C-alpha cells in the first residue's frame, strides 16, 4: 500500500530502473569492489553504473549489447 512513509522509502528518485542500487545498497556493495589503479588508463565508466548495468542484464535477461544508452 502506498502510504506516505512507504512512498518516501520506496521512491527511486533519479534511479530510472528498478534494478538501480539505492545509496544505502551502494554503501554495502562498494567496499567489495576493486579500487581504481594508480597506473594505467582511467576507468571509462563509474563502477556504480557498471554494477547497475550488470544487475539490469541479470534481472531482464537482455543482451549486454542491447542495454539502454543511459
PDB file of N, CA and C in Angstrom:
ATOM      1  N   UNK A   1       0.840  -1.173   0.000  1.00  0.00           N
ATOM      2  CA  UNK A   1       0.000   0.000   0.000  1.00  0.00           C
ATOM      3  C   UNK A   1       0.885   1.237   0.000  1.00  0.00           C
ATOM      4  N   UNK A   2       0.494   2.231  -0.759  1.00  0.00           N
ATOM      5  CA  UNK A   2       1.297   3.440  -0.878  1.00  0.00           C
ATOM      6  C   UNK A   2       0.946   4.431   0.218  1.00  0.00           C
ATOM      7  N   UNK A   3       1.476   4.207   1.397  1.00  0.00           N
ATOM      8  CA  UNK A   3       1.330   5.167   2.482  1.00  0.00           C
ATOM      9  C   UNK A   3       2.406   6.222   2.304  1.00  0.00           C
ATOM     10  N   UNK A   4       2.264   7.383   2.927  1.00  0.00           N
ATOM     11  CA  UNK A   4       3.313   8.403   2.792  1.00  0.00           C
ATOM     12  C   UNK A   4       4.694   7.896   3.218  1.00  0.00           C
ATOM     13  N   UNK A   5       4.751   7.099   4.281  1.00  0.00           N
ATOM     14  CA  UNK A   5       6.046   6.573   4.729  1.00  0.00           C
ATOM     15  C   UNK A   5       6.629   5.606   3.707  1.00  0.00           C
ATOM     16  N   UNK A   6       5.792   4.736   3.145  1.00  0.00           N
ATOM     17  CA  UNK A   6       6.269   3.777   2.143  1.00  0.00           C
ATOM     18  C   UNK A   6       6.685   4.492   0.870  1.00  0.00           C
ATOM     19  N   UNK A   7       5.967   5.535   0.494  1.00  0.00           N
ATOM     20  CA  UNK A   7       6.300   6.282  -0.722  1.00  0.00           C
ATOM     21  C   UNK A   7       7.699   6.884  -0.616  1.00  0.00           C
ATOM     22  N   UNK A   8       8.019   7.443   0.545  1.00  0.00           N
ATOM     23  CA  UNK A   8       9.354   8.019   0.747  1.00  0.00           C
ATOM     24  C   UNK A   8      10.408   6.923   0.729  1.00  0.00           C
ATOM     25  N   UNK A   9      10.132   5.813   1.393  1.00  0.00           N
ATOM     26  CA  UNK A   9      11.102   4.722   1.484  1.00  0.00           C
ATOM     27  C   UNK A   9      11.336   4.064   0.129  1.00  0.00           C
ATOM     28  N   UNK A  10      10.297   3.901  -0.670  1.00  0.00           N
ATOM     29  CA  UNK A  10      10.411   3.179  -1.933  1.00  0.00           C
ATOM     30  C   UNK A  10      10.657   4.080  -3.132  1.00  0.00           C
ATOM     31  N   UNK A  11      10.701   5.381  -2.931  1.00  0.00           N
ATOM     32  CA  UNK A  11      10.937   6.300  -4.047  1.00  0.00           C
ATOM     33  C   UNK A  11      12.331   6.068  -4.612  1.00  0.00           C
ATOM     34  N   UNK A  12      12.432   6.029  -5.916  1.00  0.00           N
ATOM     35  CA  UNK A  12      13.713   5.781  -6.568  1.00  0.00           C
ATOM     36  C   UNK A  12      14.429   7.077  -6.936  1.00  0.00           C
ATOM     37  N   UNK A  13      13.748   8.198  -6.877  1.00  0.00           N
ATOM     38  CA  UNK A  13      14.397   9.471  -7.183  1.00  0.00           C
ATOM     39  C   UNK A  13      14.945   9.490  -8.589  1.00  0.00           C
ATOM     40  N   UNK A  14      16.252   9.605  -8.714  1.00  0.00           N
ATOM     41  CA  UNK A  14      16.883   9.695 -10.030  1.00  0.00           C
ATOM     42  C   UNK A  14      17.243   8.331 -10.604  1.00  0.00           C
ATOM     43  N   UNK A  15      16.851   7.248  -9.943  1.00  0.00           N
ATOM     44  CA  UNK A  15      17.151   5.913 -10.443  1.00  0.00           C
ATOM     45  C   UNK A  15      16.095   5.516 -11.470  1.00  0.00           C
ATOM     46  N   UNK A  16      16.478   5.414 -12.734  1.00  0.00           N
ATOM     47  CA  UNK A  16      15.484   5.164 -13.783  1.00  0.00           C
ATOM     48  C   UNK A  16      14.940   3.738 -13.819  1.00  0.00           C
ATOM     49  N   UNK A  17      15.655   2.784 -13.270  1.00  0.00           N
ATOM     50  CA  UNK A  17      15.235   1.388 -13.349  1.00  0.00           C
ATOM     51  C   UNK A  17      15.150   0.785 -11.955  1.00  0.00           C
ATOM     52  N   UNK A  18      14.291  -0.184 -11.806  1.00  0.00           N
ATOM     53  CA  UNK A  18      14.126  -0.835 -10.504  1.00  0.00           C
ATOM     54  C   UNK A  18      15.385  -1.574 -10.072  1.00  0.00           C
ATOM     55  N   UNK A  19      16.257  -1.904 -11.019  1.00  0.00           N
ATOM     56  CA  UNK A  19      17.482  -2.636 -10.686  1.00  0.00           C
ATOM     57  C   UNK A  19      18.611  -1.721 -10.228  1.00  0.00           C
ATOM     58  N   UNK A  20      18.445  -0.407 -10.338  1.00  0.00           N
ATOM     59  CA  UNK A  20      19.481   0.530  -9.895  1.00  0.00           C
ATOM     60  C   UNK A  20      19.595   0.483  -8.373  1.00  0.00           C
ATOM     61  N   UNK A  21      20.816   0.502  -7.895  1.00  0.00           N
ATOM     62  CA  UNK A  21      21.053   0.450  -6.456  1.00  0.00           C
ATOM     63  C   UNK A  21      20.728   1.786  -5.802  1.00  0.00           C
ATOM     64  N   UNK A  22      20.147   1.723  -4.618  1.00  0.00           N
ATOM     65  CA  UNK A  22      19.949   2.933  -3.822  1.00  0.00           C
ATOM     66  C   UNK A  22      21.289   3.294  -3.187  1.00  0.00           C
ATOM     67  N   UNK A  23      21.366   4.481  -2.594  1.00  0.00           N
ATOM     68  CA  UNK A  23      22.607   4.889  -1.937  1.00  0.00           C
ATOM     69  C   UNK A  23      22.960   3.955  -0.781  1.00  0.00           C
ATOM     70  N   UNK A  24      21.960   3.488  -0.070  1.00  0.00           N
ATOM     71  CA  UNK A  24      22.195   2.563   1.045  1.00  0.00           C
ATOM     72  C   UNK A  24      22.737   1.231   0.542  1.00  0.00           C
ATOM     73  N   UNK A  25      22.146   0.711  -0.538  1.00  0.00           N
ATOM     74  CA  UNK A  25      22.626  -0.551  -1.114  1.00  0.00           C
ATOM     75  C   UNK A  25      24.039  -0.387  -1.663  1.00  0.00           C
ATOM     76  N   UNK A  26      24.316   0.759  -2.290  1.00  0.00           N
ATOM     77  CA  UNK A  26      25.643   1.013  -2.842  1.00  0.00           C
ATOM     78  C   UNK A  26      26.690   1.073  -1.732  1.00  0.00           C
ATOM     79  N   UNK A  27      26.332   1.640  -0.588  1.00  0.00           N
ATOM     80  CA  UNK A  27      27.263   1.716   0.539  1.00  0.00           C
ATOM     81  C   UNK A  27      27.663   0.330   1.029  1.00  0.00           C
ATOM     82  N   UNK A  28      26.793  -0.653   0.866  1.00  0.00           N
ATOM     83  CA  UNK A  28      27.104  -2.030   1.259  1.00  0.00           C
ATOM     84  C   UNK A  28      27.993  -2.697   0.213  1.00  0.00           C
ATOM     85  N   UNK A  29      27.724  -2.460  -1.065  1.00  0.00           N
ATOM     86  CA  UNK A  29      28.424  -3.142  -2.160  1.00  0.00           C
ATOM     87  C   UNK A  29      29.796  -2.530  -2.450  1.00  0.00           C
ATOM     88  N   UNK A  30      29.911  -1.222  -2.406  1.00  0.00           N
ATOM     89  CA  UNK A  30      31.121  -0.515  -2.840  1.00  0.00           C
ATOM     90  C   UNK A  30      32.417  -1.000  -2.186  1.00  0.00           C
ATOM     91  N   UNK A  31      32.456  -1.297  -0.892  1.00  0.00           N
ATOM     92  CA  UNK A  31      33.721  -1.737  -0.295  1.00  0.00           C
ATOM     93  C   UNK A  31      34.265  -3.049  -0.865  1.00  0.00           C
ATOM     94  N   UNK A  32      33.428  -3.848  -1.508  1.00  0.00           N
ATOM     95  CA  UNK A  32      33.873  -5.130  -2.054  1.00  0.00           C
ATOM     96  C   UNK A  32      34.439  -5.011  -3.466  1.00  0.00           C
ATOM     97  N   UNK A  33      34.317  -3.851  -4.080  1.00  0.00           N
ATOM     98  CA  UNK A  33      34.798  -3.657  -5.451  1.00  0.00           C
ATOM     99  C   UNK A  33      36.232  -3.148  -5.435  1.00  0.00           C
ATOM    100  N   UNK A  34      37.005  -3.479  -6.476  1.00  0.00           N
ATOM    101  CA  UNK A  34      38.400  -3.035  -6.506  1.00  0.00           C
ATOM    102  C   UNK A  34      38.507  -1.520  -6.664  1.00  0.00           C
ATOM    103  N   UNK A  35      39.491  -0.961  -6.020  1.00  0.00           N
ATOM    104  CA  UNK A  35      39.764   0.473  -6.135  1.00  0.00           C
ATOM    105  C   UNK A  35      40.411   0.753  -7.488  1.00  0.00           C
ATOM    106  N   UNK A  36      40.283   1.979  -8.004  1.00  0.00           N
ATOM    107  CA  UNK A  36      40.955   2.304  -9.267  1.00  0.00           C
ATOM    108  C   UNK A  36      42.473   2.214  -9.105  1.00  0.00           C
ATOM    109  N   UNK A  37      43.131   1.730 -10.136  1.00  0.00           N
ATOM    110  CA  UNK A  37      44.593   1.625 -10.110  1.00  0.00           C
ATOM    111  C   UNK A  37      45.210   3.013 -10.291  1.00  0.00           C
ATOM    112  N   UNK A  38      46.373   3.210  -9.697  1.00  0.00           N
ATOM    113  CA  UNK A  38      47.068   4.487  -9.844  1.00  0.00           C
ATOM    114  C   UNK A  38      47.820   4.559 -11.161  1.00  0.00           C
ATOM    115  N   UNK A  39      48.061   3.416 -11.769  1.00  0.00           N
ATOM    116  CA  UNK A  39      48.750   3.386 -13.054  1.00  0.00           C
ATOM    117  C   UNK A  39      47.773   2.926 -14.127  1.00  0.00           C
ATOM    118  N   UNK A  40      48.118   3.191 -15.353  1.00  0.00           N
ATOM    119  CA  UNK A  40      47.270   2.747 -16.449  1.00  0.00           C
ATOM    120  C   UNK A  40      46.170   3.740 -16.786  1.00  0.00           C
ATOM    121  N   UNK A  41      45.308   3.300 -17.649  1.00  0.00           N
ATOM    122  CA  UNK A  41      44.234   4.146 -18.153  1.00  0.00           C
ATOM    123  C   UNK A  41      43.144   4.310 -17.091  1.00  0.00           C
ATOM    124  N   UNK A  42      42.587   5.516 -16.970  1.00  0.00           N
ATOM    125  CA  UNK A  42      41.489   5.690 -16.011  1.00  0.00           C
ATOM    126  C   UNK A  42      40.229   4.965 -16.485  1.00  0.00           C
ATOM    127  N   UNK A  43      39.358   4.668 -15.580  1.00  0.00           N
ATOM    128  CA  UNK A  43      38.121   3.970 -15.923  1.00  0.00           C
ATOM    129  C   UNK A  43      37.252   4.827 -16.834  1.00  0.00           C
ATOM    130  N   UNK A  44      36.607   4.173 -17.783  1.00  0.00           N
ATOM    131  CA  UNK A  44      35.711   4.878 -18.699  1.00  0.00           C
ATOM    132  C   UNK A  44      34.344   5.110 -18.070  1.00  0.00           C
ATOM    133  N   UNK A  45      33.936   4.213 -17.199  1.00  0.00           N
ATOM    134  CA  UNK A  45      32.613   4.277 -16.579  1.00  0.00           C
ATOM    135  C   UNK A  45      32.754   4.137 -15.073  1.00  0.00           C
ATOM    136  N   UNK A  46      31.952   4.870 -14.317  1.00  0.00           N
ATOM    137  CA  UNK A  46      31.970   4.697 -12.862  1.00  0.00           C
ATOM    138  C   UNK A  46      31.499   3.291 -12.484  1.00  0.00           C
ATOM    139  N   UNK A  47      32.074   2.742 -11.433  1.00  0.00           N
ATOM    140  CA  UNK A  47      31.734   1.378 -11.021  1.00  0.00           C
ATOM    141  C   UNK A  47      30.259   1.226 -10.657  1.00  0.00           C
ATOM    142  N   UNK A  48      29.650   2.273 -10.152  1.00  0.00           N
ATOM    143  CA  UNK A  48      28.228   2.176  -9.802  1.00  0.00           C
ATOM    144  C   UNK A  48      27.379   1.937 -11.045  1.00  0.00           C
ATOM    145  N   UNK A  49      27.705   2.598 -12.149  1.00  0.00           N
ATOM    146  CA  UNK A  49      26.973   2.371 -13.397  1.00  0.00           C
ATOM    147  C   UNK A  49      27.214   0.967 -13.932  1.00  0.00           C
ATOM    148  N   UNK A  50      28.418   0.465 -13.770  1.00  0.00           N
ATOM    149  CA  UNK A  50      28.733  -0.891 -14.225  1.00  0.00           C
ATOM    150  C   UNK A  50      27.920  -1.912 -13.429  1.00  0.00           C
ATOM    151  N   UNK A  51      27.870  -1.748 -12.122  1.00  0.00           N
ATOM    152  CA  UNK A  51      27.097  -2.672 -11.285  1.00  0.00           C
ATOM    153  C   UNK A  51      25.611  -2.573 -11.622  1.00  0.00           C
ATOM    154  N   UNK A  52      25.100  -1.352 -11.811  1.00  0.00           N
ATOM    155  CA  UNK A  52      23.692  -1.186 -12.197  1.00  0.00           C
ATOM    156  C   UNK A  52      23.403  -1.883 -13.524  1.00  0.00           C
ATOM    157  N   UNK A  53      24.323  -1.785 -14.484  1.00  0.00           N
ATOM    158  CA  UNK A  53      24.134  -2.441 -15.783  1.00  0.00           C
ATOM    159  C   UNK A  53      24.139  -3.962 -15.637  1.00  0.00           C
ATOM    160  N   UNK A  54      25.039  -4.487 -14.821  1.00  0.00           N
ATOM    161  CA  UNK A  54      25.092  -5.936 -14.596  1.00  0.00           C
ATOM    162  C   UNK A  54      23.794  -6.419 -13.962  1.00  0.00           C
ATOM    163  N   UNK A  55      23.299  -5.692 -12.980  1.00  0.00           N
ATOM    164  CA  UNK A  55      22.034  -6.069 -12.341  1.00  0.00           C
ATOM    165  C   UNK A  55      20.867  -5.988 -13.322  1.00  0.00           C
ATOM    166  N   UNK A  56      20.896  -5.007 -14.215  1.00  0.00           N
ATOM    167  CA  UNK A  56      19.836  -4.872 -15.222  1.00  0.00           C
ATOM    168  C   UNK A  56      19.834  -6.082 -16.156  1.00  0.00           C
ATOM    169  N   UNK A  57      21.011  -6.484 -16.616  1.00  0.00           N
ATOM    170  CA  UNK A  57      21.117  -7.645 -17.513  1.00  0.00           C
ATOM    171  C   UNK A  57      20.665  -8.914 -16.791  1.00  0.00           C
ATOM    172  N   UNK A  58      21.086  -9.087 -15.552  1.00  0.00           N
ATOM    173  CA  UNK A  58      20.685 -10.277 -14.798  1.00  0.00           C
ATOM    174  C   UNK A  58      19.178 -10.323 -14.571  1.00  0.00           C
ATOM    175  N   UNK A  59      18.583  -9.180 -14.296  1.00  0.00           N
ATOM    176  CA  UNK A  59      17.148  -9.142 -13.990  1.00  0.00           C
ATOM    177  C   UNK A  59      16.289  -9.286 -15.243  1.00  0.00           C
ATOM    178  N   UNK A  60      16.663  -8.607 -16.324  1.00  0.00           N
ATOM    179  CA  UNK A  60      15.815  -8.590 -17.520  1.00  0.00           C
ATOM    180  C   UNK A  60      16.168  -9.682 -18.508  1.00  0.00           C
ATOM    181  N   UNK A  61      17.395 -10.184 -18.450  1.00  0.00           N
ATOM    182  CA  UNK A  61      17.819 -11.200 -19.406  1.00  0.00           C
ATOM    183  C   UNK A  61      18.175 -10.631 -20.765  1.00  0.00           C
ATOM    184  N   UNK A  62      18.265  -9.309 -20.871  1.00  0.00           N
ATOM    185  CA  UNK A  62      18.598  -8.710 -22.167  1.00  0.00           C
ATOM    186  C   UNK A  62      20.085  -8.911 -22.460  1.00  0.00           C
ATOM    187  N   UNK A  63      20.431  -8.854 -23.720  1.00  0.00           N
ATOM    188  CA  UNK A  63      21.829  -8.994 -24.122  1.00  0.00           C
ATOM    189  C   UNK A  63      22.601  -7.740 -23.724  1.00  0.00           C
ATOM    190  N   UNK A  64      23.868  -7.899 -23.398  1.00  0.00           N
ATOM    191  CA  UNK A  64      24.717  -6.783 -22.990  1.00  0.00           C
ATOM    192  C   UNK A  64      24.724  -5.692 -24.058  1.00  0.00           C
ATOM    193  N   UNK A  65      24.741  -6.078 -25.314  1.00  0.00           N
ATOM    194  CA  UNK A  65      24.770  -5.104 -26.409  1.00  0.00           C
ATOM    195  C   UNK A  65      23.464  -4.328 -26.535  1.00  0.00           C
ATOM    196  N   UNK A  66      22.380  -4.805 -25.937  1.00  0.00           N
ATOM    197  CA  UNK A  66      21.082  -4.142 -26.044  1.00  0.00           C
ATOM    198  C   UNK A  66      20.731  -3.307 -24.823  1.00  0.00           C
ATOM    199  N   UNK A  67      21.716  -3.005 -23.999  1.00  0.00           N
ATOM    200  CA  UNK A  67      21.458  -2.173 -22.823  1.00  0.00           C
ATOM    201  C   UNK A  67      21.000  -0.786 -23.251  1.00  0.00           C
ATOM    202  N   UNK A  68      20.123  -0.146 -22.472  1.00  0.00           N
ATOM    203  CA  UNK A  68      19.750   1.236 -22.778  1.00  0.00           C
ATOM    204  C   UNK A  68      20.970   2.148 -22.703  1.00  0.00           C
ATOM    205  N   UNK A  69      20.981   3.209 -23.478  1.00  0.00           N
ATOM    206  CA  UNK A  69      22.144   4.112 -23.538  1.00  0.00           C
ATOM    207  C   UNK A  69      22.444   4.798 -22.214  1.00  0.00           C
ATOM    208  N   UNK A  70      21.411   5.120 -21.448  1.00  0.00           N
ATOM    209  CA  UNK A  70      21.661   5.804 -20.184  1.00  0.00           C
ATOM    210  C   UNK A  70      22.105   4.807 -19.170  1.00  0.00           C
TER     211      UNK A  70
END
